[in-house]
């Protein structure tokens, strides 16, 4: 994604939906370049604090220290699968979604098969829509 494309999208967001954008997002992704791309998109849409965690231990620490409005989770990390961490987020009421190379949730534990999933590769608009849906914004309106 080019800086120009990100800037154009940022202007659109600042004009229309900035008040609905989450302010604290944690990206849990062990492919650092992927995480940096997602971070750039989140910042372009007005997210003020983006933390990147490349391990589950870092992700737990980020949530404990700063909280989160939502968390984007890769499934397979260097220190294990993120399923238990996802359950902890769910129990704490923190919105999360899986961002993974898995095409669907067929191989997921049964209690997580209905969790939001964005398959890799994805585009800028897809990640924006995914994040907004996680925090309850659909088509520019807050879900009731």
C-alpha atoms as a PDB file:
ATOM      1  CA  UNK A   1       0.000   0.000   0.000  1.00  0.00           C
ATOM      2  CA  UNK A   2       1.365   3.390  -0.910  1.00  0.00           C
ATOM      3  CA  UNK A   3       1.563   6.373   1.406  1.00  0.00           C
ATOM      4  CA  UNK A   4      -0.672   8.276  -1.019  1.00  0.00           C
ATOM      5  CA  UNK A   5      -3.371   5.615  -0.778  1.00  0.00           C
ATOM      6  CA  UNK A   6      -3.118   5.602   3.013  1.00  0.00           C
ATOM      7  CA  UNK A   7      -3.301   9.404   3.091  1.00  0.00           C
ATOM      8  CA  UNK A   8      -6.371   9.442   0.847  1.00  0.00           C
ATOM      9  CA  UNK A   9      -8.085   6.917   3.080  1.00  0.00           C
ATOM     10  CA  UNK A  10      -7.135   8.944   6.165  1.00  0.00           C
ATOM     11  CA  UNK A  11      -8.805  12.048   4.762  1.00  0.00           C
ATOM     12  CA  UNK A  12     -11.944  10.030   4.105  1.00  0.00           C
ATOM     13  CA  UNK A  13     -11.934   8.749   7.668  1.00  0.00           C
ATOM     14  CA  UNK A  14     -11.210  12.044   9.302  1.00  0.00           C
ATOM     15  CA  UNK A  15     -14.145  13.491   7.421  1.00  0.00           C
ATOM     16  CA  UNK A  16     -16.703  10.763   8.044  1.00  0.00           C
ATOM     17  CA  UNK A  17     -16.113   8.358  10.887  1.00  0.00           C
ATOM     18  CA  UNK A  18     -13.209   9.425  13.083  1.00  0.00           C
ATOM     19  CA  UNK A  19     -15.421   9.585  16.167  1.00  0.00           C
ATOM     20  CA  UNK A  20     -16.197   5.884  15.698  1.00  0.00           C
ATOM     21  CA  UNK A  21     -12.604   4.688  15.302  1.00  0.00           C
ATOM     22  CA  UNK A  22     -11.079   2.645  18.154  1.00  0.00           C
ATOM     23  CA  UNK A  23      -8.232   4.467  19.870  1.00  0.00           C
ATOM     24  CA  UNK A  24      -6.204   1.517  21.246  1.00  0.00           C
ATOM     25  CA  UNK A  25      -5.592  -1.468  18.992  1.00  0.00           C
ATOM     26  CA  UNK A  26      -3.188  -4.340  19.536  1.00  0.00           C
ATOM     27  CA  UNK A  27      -1.879  -6.288  16.554  1.00  0.00           C
ATOM     28  CA  UNK A  28      -0.711  -9.783  17.500  1.00  0.00           C
ATOM     29  CA  UNK A  29       1.300 -10.922  14.486  1.00  0.00           C
ATOM     30  CA  UNK A  30       4.658 -12.666  14.222  1.00  0.00           C
ATOM     31  CA  UNK A  31       5.279 -11.479  10.655  1.00  0.00           C
ATOM     32  CA  UNK A  32       6.552  -8.014  11.489  1.00  0.00           C
ATOM     33  CA  UNK A  33       6.178  -6.565   7.980  1.00  0.00           C
ATOM     34  CA  UNK A  34       2.520  -7.606   7.916  1.00  0.00           C
ATOM     35  CA  UNK A  35       2.047  -5.976  11.325  1.00  0.00           C
ATOM     36  CA  UNK A  36       3.687  -2.755  10.107  1.00  0.00           C
ATOM     37  CA  UNK A  37       1.352  -2.622   7.087  1.00  0.00           C
ATOM     38  CA  UNK A  38      -1.681  -3.080   9.332  1.00  0.00           C
ATOM     39  CA  UNK A  39      -0.329  -0.460  11.741  1.00  0.00           C
ATOM     40  CA  UNK A  40      -0.037   2.066   8.884  1.00  0.00           C
ATOM     41  CA  UNK A  41      -3.656   1.467   7.873  1.00  0.00           C
ATOM     42  CA  UNK A  42      -4.877   1.803  11.469  1.00  0.00           C
ATOM     43  CA  UNK A  43      -2.980   5.046  11.924  1.00  0.00           C
ATOM     44  CA  UNK A  44      -4.365   6.371   8.633  1.00  0.00           C
ATOM     45  CA  UNK A  45      -7.888   5.795   9.915  1.00  0.00           C
ATOM     46  CA  UNK A  46      -7.182   7.732  13.111  1.00  0.00           C
ATOM     47  CA  UNK A  47      -6.268   5.052  15.658  1.00  0.00           C
ATOM     48  CA  UNK A  48      -4.108   6.870  18.204  1.00  0.00           C
ATOM     49  CA  UNK A  49      -2.333   3.941  19.864  1.00  0.00           C
ATOM     50  CA  UNK A  50      -1.261   0.830  17.977  1.00  0.00           C
ATOM     51  CA  UNK A  51       0.812  -1.808  19.739  1.00  0.00           C
ATOM     52  CA  UNK A  52       2.474  -4.649  17.881  1.00  0.00           C
ATOM     53  CA  UNK A  53       3.027  -7.900  19.760  1.00  0.00           C
ATOM     54  CA  UNK A  54       4.926 -10.682  18.026  1.00  0.00           C
ATOM     55  CA  UNK A  55       4.350 -13.249  20.792  1.00  0.00           C
ATOM     56  CA  UNK A  56       1.502 -14.179  23.101  1.00  0.00           C
ATOM     57  CA  UNK A  57       3.570 -13.029  26.088  1.00  0.00           C
ATOM     58  CA  UNK A  58       3.957  -9.570  24.546  1.00  0.00           C
ATOM     59  CA  UNK A  59       0.243  -9.511  23.714  1.00  0.00           C
ATOM     60  CA  UNK A  60      -0.746 -10.302  27.305  1.00  0.00           C
ATOM     61  CA  UNK A  61       1.587  -7.602  28.573  1.00  0.00           C
ATOM     62  CA  UNK A  62       0.192  -5.024  26.131  1.00  0.00           C
ATOM     63  CA  UNK A  63      -3.391  -5.734  27.205  1.00  0.00           C
ATOM     64  CA  UNK A  64      -2.486  -5.645  30.909  1.00  0.00           C
ATOM     65  CA  UNK A  65      -0.513  -2.402  30.655  1.00  0.00           C
ATOM     66  CA  UNK A  66      -2.616  -0.397  28.214  1.00  0.00           C
ATOM     67  CA  UNK A  67      -5.925  -2.143  27.671  1.00  0.00           C
ATOM     68  CA  UNK A  68      -7.389  -2.321  24.181  1.00  0.00           C
ATOM     69  CA  UNK A  69     -10.459  -1.291  22.247  1.00  0.00           C
ATOM     70  CA  UNK A  70      -9.867  -4.313  20.018  1.00  0.00           C
ATOM     71  CA  UNK A  71      -7.209  -6.895  19.238  1.00  0.00           C
ATOM     72  CA  UNK A  72      -6.237  -8.365  15.872  1.00  0.00           C
ATOM     73  CA  UNK A  73      -4.899 -11.908  16.311  1.00  0.00           C
ATOM     74  CA  UNK A  74      -2.867 -14.146  14.080  1.00  0.00           C
ATOM     75  CA  UNK A  75      -3.665 -17.762  14.936  1.00  0.00           C
ATOM     76  CA  UNK A  76      -0.209 -19.332  14.795  1.00  0.00           C
ATOM     77  CA  UNK A  77       2.561 -17.497  16.608  1.00  0.00           C
ATOM     78  CA  UNK A  78       6.087 -18.550  17.499  1.00  0.00           C
ATOM     79  CA  UNK A  79       5.016 -19.333  21.074  1.00  0.00           C
ATOM     80  CA  UNK A  80       1.790 -21.158  20.235  1.00  0.00           C
ATOM     81  CA  UNK A  81      -1.760 -20.786  19.000  1.00  0.00           C
ATOM     82  CA  UNK A  82      -3.696 -17.715  20.108  1.00  0.00           C
ATOM     83  CA  UNK A  83      -6.927 -19.538  21.014  1.00  0.00           C
ATOM     84  CA  UNK A  84      -6.545 -19.336  24.812  1.00  0.00           C
ATOM     85  CA  UNK A  85      -5.575 -15.677  24.557  1.00  0.00           C
ATOM     86  CA  UNK A  86      -8.688 -15.073  22.431  1.00  0.00           C
ATOM     87  CA  UNK A  87     -10.828 -16.723  25.098  1.00  0.00           C
ATOM     88  CA  UNK A  88      -9.328 -14.416  27.715  1.00  0.00           C
ATOM     89  CA  UNK A  89     -10.146 -11.399  25.564  1.00  0.00           C
ATOM     90  CA  UNK A  90     -13.699 -12.649  25.070  1.00  0.00           C
ATOM     91  CA  UNK A  91     -14.116 -13.190  28.821  1.00  0.00           C
ATOM     92  CA  UNK A  92     -12.778  -9.670  29.488  1.00  0.00           C
ATOM     93  CA  UNK A  93     -15.200  -8.170  26.958  1.00  0.00           C
ATOM     94  CA  UNK A  94     -12.441  -6.994  24.612  1.00  0.00           C
ATOM     95  CA  UNK A  95     -13.440  -7.295  20.944  1.00  0.00           C
ATOM     96  CA  UNK A  96     -11.045  -9.392  18.887  1.00  0.00           C
ATOM     97  CA  UNK A  97     -10.817 -10.964  15.484  1.00  0.00           C
ATOM     98  CA  UNK A  98      -8.490 -13.415  13.860  1.00  0.00           C
ATOM     99  CA  UNK A  99      -6.376 -12.174  10.956  1.00  0.00           C
ATOM    100  CA  UNK A 100      -4.920 -15.321   9.520  1.00  0.00           C
ATOM    101  CA  UNK A 101      -3.941 -17.325   6.504  1.00  0.00           C
ATOM    102  CA  UNK A 102      -6.660 -19.803   7.453  1.00  0.00           C
ATOM    103  CA  UNK A 103      -9.493 -19.488   4.950  1.00  0.00           C
ATOM    104  CA  UNK A 104     -12.192 -20.276   7.483  1.00  0.00           C
ATOM    105  CA  UNK A 105     -12.649 -21.365  11.084  1.00  0.00           C
ATOM    106  CA  UNK A 106     -13.153 -25.069  10.310  1.00  0.00           C
ATOM    107  CA  UNK A 107     -10.050 -26.137  12.254  1.00  0.00           C
ATOM    108  CA  UNK A 108     -10.676 -23.775  15.166  1.00  0.00           C
ATOM    109  CA  UNK A 109     -11.827 -24.989  18.591  1.00  0.00           C
ATOM    110  CA  UNK A 110     -15.614 -25.250  18.620  1.00  0.00           C
ATOM    111  CA  UNK A 111     -16.120 -22.276  20.950  1.00  0.00           C
ATOM    112  CA  UNK A 112     -14.189 -20.004  18.555  1.00  0.00           C
ATOM    113  CA  UNK A 113     -15.693 -21.072  15.225  1.00  0.00           C
ATOM    114  CA  UNK A 114     -17.940 -18.007  15.188  1.00  0.00           C
ATOM    115  CA  UNK A 115     -15.135 -15.552  15.947  1.00  0.00           C
ATOM    116  CA  UNK A 116     -14.581 -12.890  13.284  1.00  0.00           C
ATOM    117  CA  UNK A 117     -11.944 -13.918  10.746  1.00  0.00           C
ATOM    118  CA  UNK A 118     -10.162 -11.892   8.086  1.00  0.00           C
ATOM    119  CA  UNK A 119      -8.174 -14.096   5.742  1.00  0.00           C
ATOM    120  CA  UNK A 120      -4.739 -13.168   4.469  1.00  0.00           C
ATOM    121  CA  UNK A 121      -3.957 -11.641   2.108  1.00  0.00           C
ATOM    122  CA  UNK A 122      -6.265  -8.678   2.586  1.00  0.00           C
ATOM    123  CA  UNK A 123      -6.499  -5.140   1.302  1.00  0.00           C
ATOM    124  CA  UNK A 124      -6.558  -1.821   3.106  1.00  0.00           C
ATOM    125  CA  UNK A 125     -10.336  -1.428   2.863  1.00  0.00           C
ATOM    126  CA  UNK A 126     -10.863  -4.945   4.189  1.00  0.00           C
ATOM    127  CA  UNK A 127      -8.809  -4.328   7.335  1.00  0.00           C
ATOM    128  CA  UNK A 128     -10.575  -1.004   7.928  1.00  0.00           C
ATOM    129  CA  UNK A 129     -14.012  -2.601   7.615  1.00  0.00           C
ATOM    130  CA  UNK A 130     -12.915  -5.542   9.786  1.00  0.00           C
ATOM    131  CA  UNK A 131     -11.712  -3.280  12.613  1.00  0.00           C
ATOM    132  CA  UNK A 132     -14.825  -1.105  12.467  1.00  0.00           C
ATOM    133  CA  UNK A 133     -17.044  -4.188  12.606  1.00  0.00           C
ATOM    134  CA  UNK A 134     -15.119  -5.470  15.634  1.00  0.00           C
ATOM    135  CA  UNK A 135     -15.947  -2.300  17.554  1.00  0.00           C
ATOM    136  CA  UNK A 136     -19.563  -2.256  16.418  1.00  0.00           C
ATOM    137  CA  UNK A 137     -19.518   0.127  13.469  1.00  0.00           C
ATOM    138  CA  UNK A 138     -21.301  -1.105  10.349  1.00  0.00           C
ATOM    139  CA  UNK A 139     -21.678   1.088   7.268  1.00  0.00           C
ATOM    140  CA  UNK A 140     -20.767   4.174   9.273  1.00  0.00           C
ATOM    141  CA  UNK A 141     -23.328   3.568  12.018  1.00  0.00           C
ATOM    142  CA  UNK A 142     -22.870   2.147  15.499  1.00  0.00           C
ATOM    143  CA  UNK A 143     -24.546  -1.243  16.025  1.00  0.00           C
ATOM    144  CA  UNK A 144     -27.252  -1.250  18.669  1.00  0.00           C
END
